[in-house]
Protein backbone atom coordinates (compact mmCIF):
# COMPACT_ATOMS: atom_id res chain seq x y z
CA MET A 1 -66.64 -4.28 66.78
CA ALA A 2 -66.81 -0.87 68.41
CA ALA A 3 -65.86 0.82 65.17
CA THR A 4 -69.28 -0.15 63.37
CA ALA A 5 -71.27 1.64 65.84
CA ALA A 6 -73.64 4.38 64.51
CA ALA A 7 -72.29 7.78 64.20
CA ASN A 8 -73.26 10.23 66.84
CA GLY A 9 -73.24 13.88 65.47
CA ARG A 10 -72.10 14.57 62.01
CA PHE A 11 -68.31 14.60 61.05
CA ARG A 12 -66.12 11.47 62.15
CA HIS A 13 -62.48 10.95 61.28
CA LEU A 14 -61.00 7.51 62.68
CA ALA A 15 -57.66 5.88 62.21
CA LEU A 16 -57.66 1.93 62.16
CA PHE A 17 -54.50 0.51 63.26
CA TYR A 18 -54.54 -3.05 61.93
CA HIS A 19 -52.52 -6.10 62.00
CA GLY A 20 -51.97 -8.33 59.11
CA ARG A 21 -54.17 -8.55 55.74
CA GLY A 22 -56.76 -10.65 57.75
CA GLU A 23 -57.72 -7.99 60.17
CA HIS A 24 -57.76 -5.32 57.48
CA LEU A 25 -60.19 -7.24 55.31
CA ALA A 26 -62.29 -8.15 58.29
CA ALA A 27 -62.36 -4.87 59.88
CA LEU A 28 -63.10 -2.91 56.78
CA CYS A 29 -65.77 -5.27 55.47
CA ALA A 30 -67.55 -5.07 58.68
CA PHE A 31 -67.36 -1.33 58.50
CA ILE A 32 -68.92 -1.46 54.90
CA GLN A 33 -71.61 -3.62 55.77
CA ALA A 34 -72.57 -1.50 59.04
CA GLY A 35 -72.51 1.57 56.91
CA ARG A 36 -74.83 -0.03 54.15
CA ALA A 37 -77.10 -1.33 57.06
CA ARG A 38 -77.47 2.27 58.28
CA GLY A 39 -78.44 3.37 54.66
CA GLU A 40 -74.93 5.22 54.06
CA ALA A 41 -73.39 5.71 50.55
CA VAL A 42 -70.00 3.87 50.98
CA PHE A 43 -66.74 5.09 49.05
CA VAL A 44 -63.76 2.98 49.40
CA ALA A 45 -60.35 3.85 48.32
CA VAL A 46 -57.50 1.17 49.02
CA PRO A 47 -54.71 -0.15 46.91
CA GLU A 48 -56.11 -2.16 44.07
CA ARG A 49 -54.81 -5.69 45.32
CA LYS A 50 -56.73 -5.02 48.68
CA ALA A 51 -59.83 -3.74 46.76
CA GLN A 52 -59.93 -7.18 45.01
CA LEU A 53 -60.03 -9.03 48.15
CA MET A 54 -62.77 -7.00 49.57
CA ARG A 55 -64.80 -7.45 46.40
CA GLN A 56 -64.56 -11.19 46.79
CA GLU A 57 -65.40 -10.90 50.60
CA LEU A 58 -68.45 -8.74 49.98
CA GLY A 59 -69.88 -10.59 47.05
CA GLU A 60 -73.01 -9.22 45.42
CA ASP A 61 -72.81 -6.42 48.15
CA SER A 62 -69.71 -4.98 46.47
CA ALA A 63 -71.85 -3.82 43.52
CA GLN A 64 -73.55 -1.23 45.97
CA VAL A 65 -70.10 0.17 47.08
CA THR A 66 -67.85 2.57 45.05
CA LEU A 67 -64.40 0.89 45.20
CA VAL A 68 -61.42 2.84 43.53
CA ASP A 69 -57.69 2.19 43.61
CA MET A 70 -56.06 4.45 45.86
CA ALA A 71 -52.57 3.86 44.31
CA GLU A 72 -53.94 5.69 41.36
CA LEU A 73 -56.27 8.18 43.05
CA GLY A 74 -53.79 8.96 45.84
CA ARG A 75 -50.72 9.09 43.54
CA ASN A 76 -51.12 12.80 44.40
CA PRO A 77 -52.85 13.03 47.90
CA ALA A 78 -54.28 16.29 46.99
CA ARG A 79 -56.86 14.63 44.69
CA ILE A 80 -58.40 12.56 47.53
CA ILE A 81 -60.57 15.31 49.04
CA PRO A 82 -62.07 16.62 45.91
CA ALA A 83 -62.90 12.98 44.92
CA VAL A 84 -64.74 12.52 48.10
CA GLN A 85 -66.28 15.94 47.99
CA ALA A 86 -67.64 15.05 44.50
CA TYR A 87 -69.00 11.76 45.65
CA ALA A 88 -70.68 13.45 48.77
CA GLY A 89 -72.28 15.89 46.41
CA LYS A 90 -73.70 13.26 44.33
CA HIS A 91 -75.32 11.57 47.66
CA ALA A 92 -76.59 14.94 48.96
CA GLY A 93 -79.04 14.30 51.87
CA GLN A 94 -77.33 10.99 52.54
CA ARG A 95 -74.72 10.13 55.14
CA VAL A 96 -71.44 9.17 53.45
CA CYS A 97 -68.76 6.38 54.80
CA CYS A 98 -65.50 6.90 53.27
CA ILE A 99 -62.82 4.06 53.85
CA SER A 100 -59.53 5.26 52.90
CA GLU A 101 -55.82 3.77 52.88
CA PRO A 102 -53.71 6.96 51.75
CA ILE A 103 -50.49 5.61 53.36
CA TRP A 104 -48.88 2.23 52.68
CA PRO A 105 -45.22 0.71 52.88
CA GLY A 106 -43.34 1.72 50.25
CA ARG A 107 -44.59 5.33 50.00
CA THR A 108 -41.67 7.97 49.57
CA GLU A 109 -40.95 10.46 52.07
CA ALA A 110 -42.38 13.22 49.93
CA GLU A 111 -45.59 11.20 49.33
CA LEU A 112 -45.71 10.67 53.25
CA GLN A 113 -45.39 14.33 53.86
CA GLU A 114 -48.40 15.24 51.33
CA ALA A 115 -50.39 12.30 52.60
CA THR A 116 -50.05 13.33 56.06
CA ARG A 117 -50.90 16.97 55.29
CA HIS A 118 -54.05 15.72 53.54
CA GLU A 119 -55.21 13.57 56.59
CA ALA A 120 -54.87 16.91 58.77
CA LEU A 121 -56.92 18.92 56.17
CA ILE A 122 -59.86 16.38 56.07
CA ASN A 123 -60.75 17.80 59.45
CA LEU A 124 -61.33 21.13 58.15
CA ALA A 125 -62.81 20.21 54.77
CA PHE A 126 -65.55 18.05 56.07
CA ARG A 127 -65.99 19.68 59.36
CA GLY A 128 -69.70 19.83 60.16
CA SER A 129 -70.53 17.39 57.14
CA PRO A 130 -72.36 14.15 57.43
CA VAL A 131 -69.24 12.10 56.60
CA THR A 132 -67.36 9.29 58.39
CA PHE A 133 -63.68 8.74 57.19
CA LEU A 134 -62.14 5.55 58.44
CA CYS A 135 -58.31 5.56 57.43
CA ALA A 136 -56.45 2.15 57.50
CA TYR A 137 -52.88 2.07 58.69
CA ASP A 138 -50.61 -1.11 58.61
CA SER A 139 -49.28 -0.90 62.12
CA THR A 140 -46.83 -3.68 61.49
CA GLY A 141 -45.48 -2.50 58.17
CA LEU A 142 -45.33 1.20 58.59
CA PRO A 143 -42.84 3.16 60.71
CA GLY A 144 -43.65 4.27 64.12
CA SER A 145 -43.32 7.80 63.18
CA VAL A 146 -46.07 7.31 60.64
CA ILE A 147 -48.46 5.87 63.04
CA GLY A 148 -47.69 8.64 65.47
CA ASP A 149 -48.52 11.13 62.82
CA ALA A 150 -51.85 9.26 62.28
CA ALA A 151 -52.82 9.56 66.01
CA GLY A 152 -52.09 13.16 65.67
CA THR A 153 -54.36 13.90 62.53
CA HIS A 154 -57.33 11.77 63.64
CA PRO A 155 -59.57 12.59 66.57
CA ALA A 156 -60.35 8.96 67.23
CA VAL A 157 -58.41 5.76 66.67
CA ILE A 158 -59.30 2.01 66.49
CA LYS A 159 -56.99 -0.29 67.85
CA ASP A 160 -57.81 -4.12 68.78
CA GLY A 161 -61.34 -3.47 67.63
CA GLN A 162 -61.95 -0.66 70.16
CA ALA A 163 -62.62 3.17 69.14
CA THR A 164 -61.26 5.73 71.65
CA ALA A 165 -60.44 9.29 71.44
CA SER A 166 -56.86 9.85 70.18
CA ALA A 167 -54.54 11.14 73.05
CA GLY A 168 -52.18 12.28 70.46
CA TYR A 169 -54.54 14.41 68.32
CA LEU A 170 -53.24 17.68 67.45
CA GLY A 171 -56.43 19.63 66.58
CA PRO A 172 -58.11 20.58 63.22
CA ALA A 173 -55.77 23.22 62.03
CA VAL A 174 -52.40 21.72 63.19
CA PHE A 175 -49.96 19.60 61.09
CA PRO A 176 -47.56 17.18 62.24
CA PRO A 177 -43.87 18.16 62.34
CA ARG A 178 -43.38 15.88 59.10
CA CYS A 179 -45.51 18.27 57.07
CA HIS A 180 -42.87 21.33 57.69
CA ARG A 181 -39.97 19.56 56.53
CA ALA A 182 -38.09 21.59 53.85
CA LEU A 183 -37.91 20.01 50.17
CA PRO A 184 -34.48 18.73 49.11
CA ARG A 185 -32.32 21.27 47.26
CA PRO A 186 -32.45 20.83 43.57
CA PRO A 187 -29.08 19.00 42.05
CA ALA A 188 -26.23 20.99 40.97
CA HIS A 189 -27.15 20.33 37.37
CA ALA A 190 -30.77 21.88 37.66
CA GLU A 191 -31.81 24.66 35.34
CA ALA A 192 -33.69 27.61 36.31
CA LEU A 193 -35.84 30.37 34.75
CA GLY A 194 -37.15 33.49 36.55
CA TYR A 195 -40.57 34.86 35.67
CA ARG A 196 -42.66 37.91 36.63
CA ASP A 197 -45.37 38.47 34.21
CA ASP A 198 -45.27 36.42 31.03
CA LEU A 199 -45.77 32.73 31.43
CA ARG A 200 -45.09 31.64 27.75
CA PRO A 201 -41.37 31.36 28.45
CA VAL A 202 -42.13 29.16 31.35
CA ARG A 203 -44.35 26.83 29.20
CA ARG A 204 -41.53 26.68 26.59
CA PHE A 205 -38.88 26.16 29.04
CA VAL A 206 -40.74 23.15 30.76
CA ALA A 207 -41.73 21.41 27.64
CA SER A 208 -38.21 21.61 26.04
CA ARG A 209 -36.39 20.41 29.14
CA ALA A 210 -39.07 17.58 29.84
CA LYS A 211 -38.67 16.33 26.35
CA GLY A 212 -34.80 16.22 26.63
CA ALA A 213 -35.17 14.61 29.95
CA GLY A 214 -36.86 11.77 28.29
CA LEU A 215 -40.55 12.16 29.56
CA MET A 216 -42.86 10.19 27.47
CA PRO A 217 -44.67 12.60 25.02
CA PRO A 218 -48.15 12.29 26.43
CA ARG A 219 -47.04 13.07 30.07
CA ILE A 220 -45.10 16.46 28.83
CA PRO A 221 -48.48 18.55 28.48
CA ASP A 222 -49.23 17.32 31.98
CA LEU A 223 -45.96 18.69 33.49
CA VAL A 224 -46.30 21.88 31.36
CA ILE A 225 -49.85 22.49 32.69
CA ALA A 226 -48.89 21.91 36.33
CA ALA A 227 -45.79 24.17 36.06
CA SER A 228 -47.80 26.78 34.33
CA GLU A 229 -50.73 26.88 36.76
CA LEU A 230 -48.20 26.99 39.75
CA ALA A 231 -46.57 29.76 38.13
CA ALA A 232 -49.73 31.50 37.26
CA ASN A 233 -51.02 31.44 40.72
CA THR A 234 -47.76 32.83 42.13
CA LEU A 235 -48.52 35.83 39.83
CA ARG A 236 -52.21 35.89 40.92
CA HIS A 237 -51.57 35.67 44.65
CA THR A 238 -48.29 37.36 45.18
CA GLY A 239 -46.29 40.45 43.91
CA GLY A 240 -42.89 39.08 43.73
CA GLY A 241 -42.88 36.69 40.76
CA GLY A 242 -41.06 33.40 41.17
CA THR A 243 -38.60 30.91 39.72
CA VAL A 244 -39.13 27.63 37.99
CA ILE A 245 -36.42 24.90 38.48
CA LEU A 246 -36.12 21.86 36.36
CA SER A 247 -34.00 18.85 37.14
CA ARG A 248 -33.72 15.07 36.61
CA PRO A 249 -32.33 13.34 39.68
CA GLY A 250 -31.02 10.22 37.92
CA PRO A 251 -30.45 8.51 34.64
CA VAL A 252 -33.46 7.93 32.26
CA ARG A 253 -33.07 4.05 32.47
CA GLN A 254 -34.06 4.33 36.09
CA ALA A 255 -37.34 6.03 35.14
CA PRO A 256 -36.68 9.06 37.40
CA PRO A 257 -39.01 11.90 37.50
CA PRO A 258 -38.03 15.25 36.04
CA ALA A 259 -38.79 17.43 38.80
CA CYS A 260 -40.30 21.07 38.56
CA THR A 261 -39.77 23.38 41.44
CA CYS A 262 -41.44 26.75 41.72
CA ALA A 263 -40.24 29.00 44.50
CA CYS A 264 -42.46 32.03 44.82
CA THR A 265 -42.26 34.99 47.12
CA GLY A 266 -45.26 36.61 49.28
CA PHE A 267 -47.47 33.45 48.91
CA LYS A 268 -49.97 32.78 51.64
CA THR A 269 -49.13 29.56 53.58
CA ASP A 270 -52.45 29.87 55.79
CA VAL A 271 -54.49 26.62 55.85
CA CYS A 272 -57.19 26.81 53.12
CA ARG A 273 -60.51 26.36 55.16
CA GLY A 274 -62.61 24.38 52.87
CA LYS A 275 -61.68 25.72 49.52
CA TYR A 276 -60.38 22.41 47.97
CA ARG A 277 -62.29 22.16 44.61
CA LEU A 278 -60.65 22.60 41.48
CA GLY A 279 -62.02 25.54 39.49
CA THR A 280 -61.29 28.92 38.54
CA GLY A 281 -58.61 31.32 40.04
CA ALA A 282 -61.12 32.69 42.43
CA GLU A 283 -61.25 29.09 44.21
CA LEU A 284 -57.62 28.78 44.25
CA ARG A 285 -56.44 29.85 47.77
CA GLN A 286 -53.79 27.29 48.12
CA PRO A 287 -53.15 25.73 44.83
CA VAL A 288 -50.71 23.14 45.72
CA ARG A 289 -53.78 21.35 47.36
CA LEU A 290 -56.08 21.72 44.26
CA LEU A 291 -54.10 21.62 41.06
CA GLY A 292 -52.73 18.03 40.99
CA ALA A 293 -55.95 16.47 40.23
CA ALA A 294 -55.37 14.34 36.90
CA LEU A 295 -52.13 16.12 36.37
CA ALA A 296 -48.70 15.51 38.02
CA PRO A 297 -48.02 14.70 41.78
CA ILE A 298 -47.41 18.17 43.62
CA ILE A 299 -45.58 18.63 46.81
CA GLY A 300 -45.69 22.11 48.76
CA VAL A 301 -44.02 23.37 51.82
CA PRO A 302 -43.44 26.80 53.24
CA ILE A 303 -39.67 27.53 53.44
CA LEU A 304 -39.87 30.91 55.11
CA PRO A 305 -42.80 32.93 56.40
CA THR A 306 -43.17 34.70 53.13
CA ILE A 307 -41.52 31.99 50.65
CA THR A 308 -43.50 28.79 49.56
CA LYS A 309 -41.82 26.28 47.31
CA PHE A 310 -43.70 23.75 45.21
CA ARG A 311 -42.46 20.80 43.31
CA SER A 312 -44.18 18.70 40.69
CA GLU A 313 -43.05 15.46 39.37
CA ALA A 314 -43.92 13.34 36.29
CA TRP A 315 -42.35 9.96 35.97
CA CYS A 316 -40.83 8.85 32.62
CA SER A 317 -43.11 5.81 32.22
């Protein structure tokens, strides 16, 4: 198929629009085998049930491929870019082929928003790098709006086995409109705490409310750290402080997420160019893109030119 042709140049970012499980398996395995034949390091992140089918199809060759569960890695889409960067770092001097499925039927609207933003950021994070991204999209199971957004975030698309330039591509620094939708307002019963210079009250507030909301004890520190780091970065990068808002959308028996929202003034909303790795405050240029690795899913959107709102959720499971 045209998609398996050797890469010309350095960075490539393609969307594969597939129809059904059979085409998904055949196309991705062909892409993997072609990459291996060219001596590329291959990283695959798809939902585990599909990864199992790929292991069976590849047989012994699957041992030469890094296969991870996207349902876990992509629980927070902000974790995907650092994971691929780390993998590429381990294979310095070798071209990397990354096969990814960050969006699948059943993703929530908030997850779709952040996963779409992640797809756009790939074009900046790996620009000029010897990396090929092939991102799979279920064209029969996903809404047309999602497929349209994929065409907007990928310079090239593969349909019916043919790779062509995407007529809908928006450019490397442009997000589809979905990425700019406002987060929903917190419910009326939400509790809020303002902060300006001392984060100890923030940590106590989040820990006590998370416990009262029924969050499992091992997950409480995750939410506390996520909220504390978001708040710390509002202080580090702005002069206006912020407000942390905690709410639980539904009854505990439905395993809802206690949602932590931080609204901060003066925060930069410029796209972070290449600064995606976790690390010290000096590296945190847009922490909503960075923080969530191994913590709680984080969603962030600008709500005014000088105000950015972030939300971190941790499920009661």
